[in-house]
Amino acid sequence: MRNDGAARVDLSKLTSTHRYEIADDPLPDIDGEYLIFAKHNDDGSYTPLSGSQGRYDYKDGSISSLNYTHSGVRTPSIDVHNKNFKDLKTKIQAHKKDKQVKVD
């Protein structure tokens, strides 16, 4: 867990030798950082929600939807470009305050 409440996932630890990539949902870069909206599965794994719409590039405290950083990705329903991560996190927390959803 990073000090801003986001979890870090080490993609270099993946063991599968097969990689499949969908044109409008590119595979994450090993060195990339992302904001991912995901479902926590019963087996402890996570599934990103809505493909590329559930993943955003994170760089220098800002997030952008993948259509700004990867060619071939369509504009998602939630289109953001260089938005401040902390501001977004605060807005999500305020929206989910009365829900049974854990943001951290």
C-alpha atoms as a PDB file:
ATOM      1  CA  MET A   1       0.000   0.000   0.000  1.00  0.00           C
ATOM      2  CA  ARG A   2       1.370   3.392  -0.970  1.00  0.00           C
ATOM      3  CA  ASN A   3       1.132   6.353   1.378  1.00  0.00           C
ATOM      4  CA  ASP A   4      -1.724   7.845  -0.695  1.00  0.00           C
ATOM      5  CA  GLY A   5      -3.940   4.797  -0.025  1.00  0.00           C
ATOM      6  CA  ALA A   6      -3.432   3.115  -3.383  1.00  0.00           C
ATOM      7  CA  ALA A   7      -2.213  -0.478  -3.614  1.00  0.00           C
ATOM      8  CA  ARG A   8       0.809  -1.286  -5.763  1.00  0.00           C
ATOM      9  CA  VAL A   9       0.663  -4.442  -7.886  1.00  0.00           C
ATOM     10  CA  ASP A  10       3.953  -5.870  -9.176  1.00  0.00           C
ATOM     11  CA  LEU A  11       3.191  -7.032 -12.726  1.00  0.00           C
ATOM     12  CA  SER A  12       6.675  -8.549 -13.063  1.00  0.00           C
ATOM     13  CA  LYS A  13       5.559 -11.370 -10.743  1.00  0.00           C
ATOM     14  CA  LEU A  14       3.023 -12.727 -13.252  1.00  0.00           C
ATOM     15  CA  THR A  15       3.769 -16.369 -14.034  1.00  0.00           C
ATOM     16  CA  SER A  16       1.727 -16.997 -17.186  1.00  0.00           C
ATOM     17  CA  THR A  17       3.735 -17.288 -20.401  1.00  0.00           C
ATOM     18  CA  HIS A  18       0.710 -16.471 -22.566  1.00  0.00           C
ATOM     19  CA  ARG A  19      -0.387 -12.873 -23.126  1.00  0.00           C
ATOM     20  CA  TYR A  20      -3.574 -11.873 -24.878  1.00  0.00           C
ATOM     21  CA  GLU A  21      -4.269  -8.249 -25.720  1.00  0.00           C
ATOM     22  CA  ILE A  22      -7.513  -6.696 -26.919  1.00  0.00           C
ATOM     23  CA  ALA A  23      -7.086  -3.687 -29.230  1.00  0.00           C
ATOM     24  CA  ASP A  24      -9.112  -1.270 -27.101  1.00  0.00           C
ATOM     25  CA  ASP A  25      -7.916  -2.707 -23.754  1.00  0.00           C
ATOM     26  CA  PRO A  26      -4.093  -2.770 -23.863  1.00  0.00           C
ATOM     27  CA  LEU A  27      -2.092  -4.850 -21.419  1.00  0.00           C
ATOM     28  CA  PRO A  28      -0.629  -2.874 -18.515  1.00  0.00           C
ATOM     29  CA  ASP A  29       3.026  -1.918 -18.811  1.00  0.00           C
ATOM     30  CA  ILE A  30       5.200  -3.609 -16.168  1.00  0.00           C
ATOM     31  CA  ASP A  31       6.592  -0.243 -15.075  1.00  0.00           C
ATOM     32  CA  GLY A  32       3.253   1.587 -15.368  1.00  0.00           C
ATOM     33  CA  GLU A  33       1.101   2.822 -12.517  1.00  0.00           C
ATOM     34  CA  TYR A  34      -2.675   2.750 -12.773  1.00  0.00           C
ATOM     35  CA  LEU A  35      -5.863   3.607 -10.974  1.00  0.00           C
ATOM     36  CA  ILE A  36      -7.975   0.467 -11.381  1.00  0.00           C
ATOM     37  CA  PHE A  37     -11.622   0.012 -10.472  1.00  0.00           C
ATOM     38  CA  ALA A  38     -11.909  -3.691  -9.767  1.00  0.00           C
ATOM     39  CA  LYS A  39     -14.095  -6.361  -8.264  1.00  0.00           C
ATOM     40  CA  HIS A  40     -12.532  -8.407  -5.459  1.00  0.00           C
ATOM     41  CA  ASN A  41     -13.181 -12.057  -6.343  1.00  0.00           C
ATOM     42  CA  ASP A  42     -13.808 -14.873  -3.872  1.00  0.00           C
ATOM     43  CA  ASP A  43     -10.427 -16.454  -4.724  1.00  0.00           C
ATOM     44  CA  GLY A  44      -8.586 -13.267  -3.669  1.00  0.00           C
ATOM     45  CA  SER A  45      -7.909 -12.068  -7.209  1.00  0.00           C
ATOM     46  CA  TYR A  46      -9.213  -8.860  -8.775  1.00  0.00           C
ATOM     47  CA  THR A  47     -11.049  -8.266 -12.046  1.00  0.00           C
ATOM     48  CA  PRO A  48     -10.898  -4.767 -13.579  1.00  0.00           C
ATOM     49  CA  LEU A  49     -14.380  -3.452 -14.234  1.00  0.00           C
ATOM     50  CA  SER A  50     -15.421  -2.673 -17.813  1.00  0.00           C
ATOM     51  CA  GLY A  51     -12.076  -3.373 -19.468  1.00  0.00           C
ATOM     52  CA  SER A  52     -10.174  -0.220 -20.359  1.00  0.00           C
ATOM     53  CA  GLN A  53     -12.915   1.932 -18.788  1.00  0.00           C
ATOM     54  CA  GLY A  54     -11.966   0.509 -15.386  1.00  0.00           C
ATOM     55  CA  ARG A  55      -8.272   1.442 -15.692  1.00  0.00           C
ATOM     56  CA  TYR A  56      -6.589   4.829 -15.821  1.00  0.00           C
ATOM     57  CA  ASP A  57      -2.934   5.768 -16.227  1.00  0.00           C
ATOM     58  CA  TYR A  58      -1.364   7.347 -13.142  1.00  0.00           C
ATOM     59  CA  LYS A  59       1.626   9.656 -13.509  1.00  0.00           C
ATOM     60  CA  ASP A  60       2.997  12.410 -11.275  1.00  0.00           C
ATOM     61  CA  GLY A  61      -0.152  12.567  -9.120  1.00  0.00           C
ATOM     62  CA  SER A  62      -2.551  12.770 -12.065  1.00  0.00           C
ATOM     63  CA  ILE A  63      -4.722  10.256 -13.880  1.00  0.00           C
ATOM     64  CA  SER A  64      -5.800  10.038 -17.510  1.00  0.00           C
ATOM     65  CA  SER A  65      -8.127   7.650 -19.294  1.00  0.00           C
ATOM     66  CA  LEU A  66      -6.292   5.258 -21.600  1.00  0.00           C
ATOM     67  CA  ASN A  67      -7.492   6.959 -24.784  1.00  0.00           C
ATOM     68  CA  TYR A  68      -4.968   9.755 -24.038  1.00  0.00           C
ATOM     69  CA  THR A  69      -2.016   7.423 -23.525  1.00  0.00           C
ATOM     70  CA  HIS A  70      -2.646   4.446 -25.842  1.00  0.00           C
ATOM     71  CA  SER A  71      -3.592   4.639 -29.504  1.00  0.00           C
ATOM     72  CA  GLY A  72      -6.531   2.454 -30.458  1.00  0.00           C
ATOM     73  CA  VAL A  73      -8.428   2.922 -27.188  1.00  0.00           C
ATOM     74  CA  ARG A  74     -11.871   4.428 -27.629  1.00  0.00           C
ATOM     75  CA  THR A  75     -12.995   7.368 -25.496  1.00  0.00           C
ATOM     76  CA  PRO A  76     -14.532   5.840 -22.347  1.00  0.00           C
ATOM     77  CA  SER A  77     -17.740   6.872 -20.584  1.00  0.00           C
ATOM     78  CA  ILE A  78     -15.613   8.568 -17.929  1.00  0.00           C
ATOM     79  CA  ASP A  79     -13.156  10.627 -19.973  1.00  0.00           C
ATOM     80  CA  VAL A  80     -10.445  12.289 -17.853  1.00  0.00           C
ATOM     81  CA  HIS A  81      -7.143  13.891 -18.756  1.00  0.00           C
ATOM     82  CA  ASN A  82      -4.499  14.935 -16.222  1.00  0.00           C
ATOM     83  CA  LYS A  83      -6.941  15.016 -13.298  1.00  0.00           C
ATOM     84  CA  ASN A  84      -5.513  15.240  -9.791  1.00  0.00           C
ATOM     85  CA  PHE A  85      -5.641  11.797  -8.125  1.00  0.00           C
ATOM     86  CA  LYS A  86      -6.163  13.126  -4.580  1.00  0.00           C
ATOM     87  CA  ASP A  87      -9.076  15.312  -5.687  1.00  0.00           C
ATOM     88  CA  LEU A  88     -10.709  12.383  -7.465  1.00  0.00           C
ATOM     89  CA  LYS A  89     -10.197  10.101  -4.462  1.00  0.00           C
ATOM     90  CA  THR A  90     -11.823  12.691  -2.176  1.00  0.00           C
ATOM     91  CA  LYS A  91     -14.828  12.947  -4.516  1.00  0.00           C
ATOM     92  CA  ILE A  92     -15.203   9.158  -4.681  1.00  0.00           C
ATOM     93  CA  GLN A  93     -15.010   8.868  -0.899  1.00  0.00           C
ATOM     94  CA  ALA A  94     -17.659  11.565  -0.458  1.00  0.00           C
ATOM     95  CA  HIS A  95     -19.948   9.858  -2.982  1.00  0.00           C
ATOM     96  CA  LYS A  96     -19.505   6.414  -1.416  1.00  0.00           C
ATOM     97  CA  LYS A  97     -19.674   7.624   2.204  1.00  0.00           C
ATOM     98  CA  ASP A  98     -23.078   6.084   2.872  1.00  0.00           C
ATOM     99  CA  LYS A  99     -22.473   2.959   0.775  1.00  0.00           C
ATOM    100  CA  GLN A 100     -20.874  -0.362   1.710  1.00  0.00           C
ATOM    101  CA  VAL A 101     -17.913   0.243  -0.593  1.00  0.00           C
ATOM    102  CA  LYS A 102     -14.291   0.426   0.581  1.00  0.00           C
ATOM    103  CA  VAL A 103     -12.336   3.081  -1.332  1.00  0.00           C
ATOM    104  CA  ASP A 104      -8.842   2.481   0.098  1.00  0.00           C
END
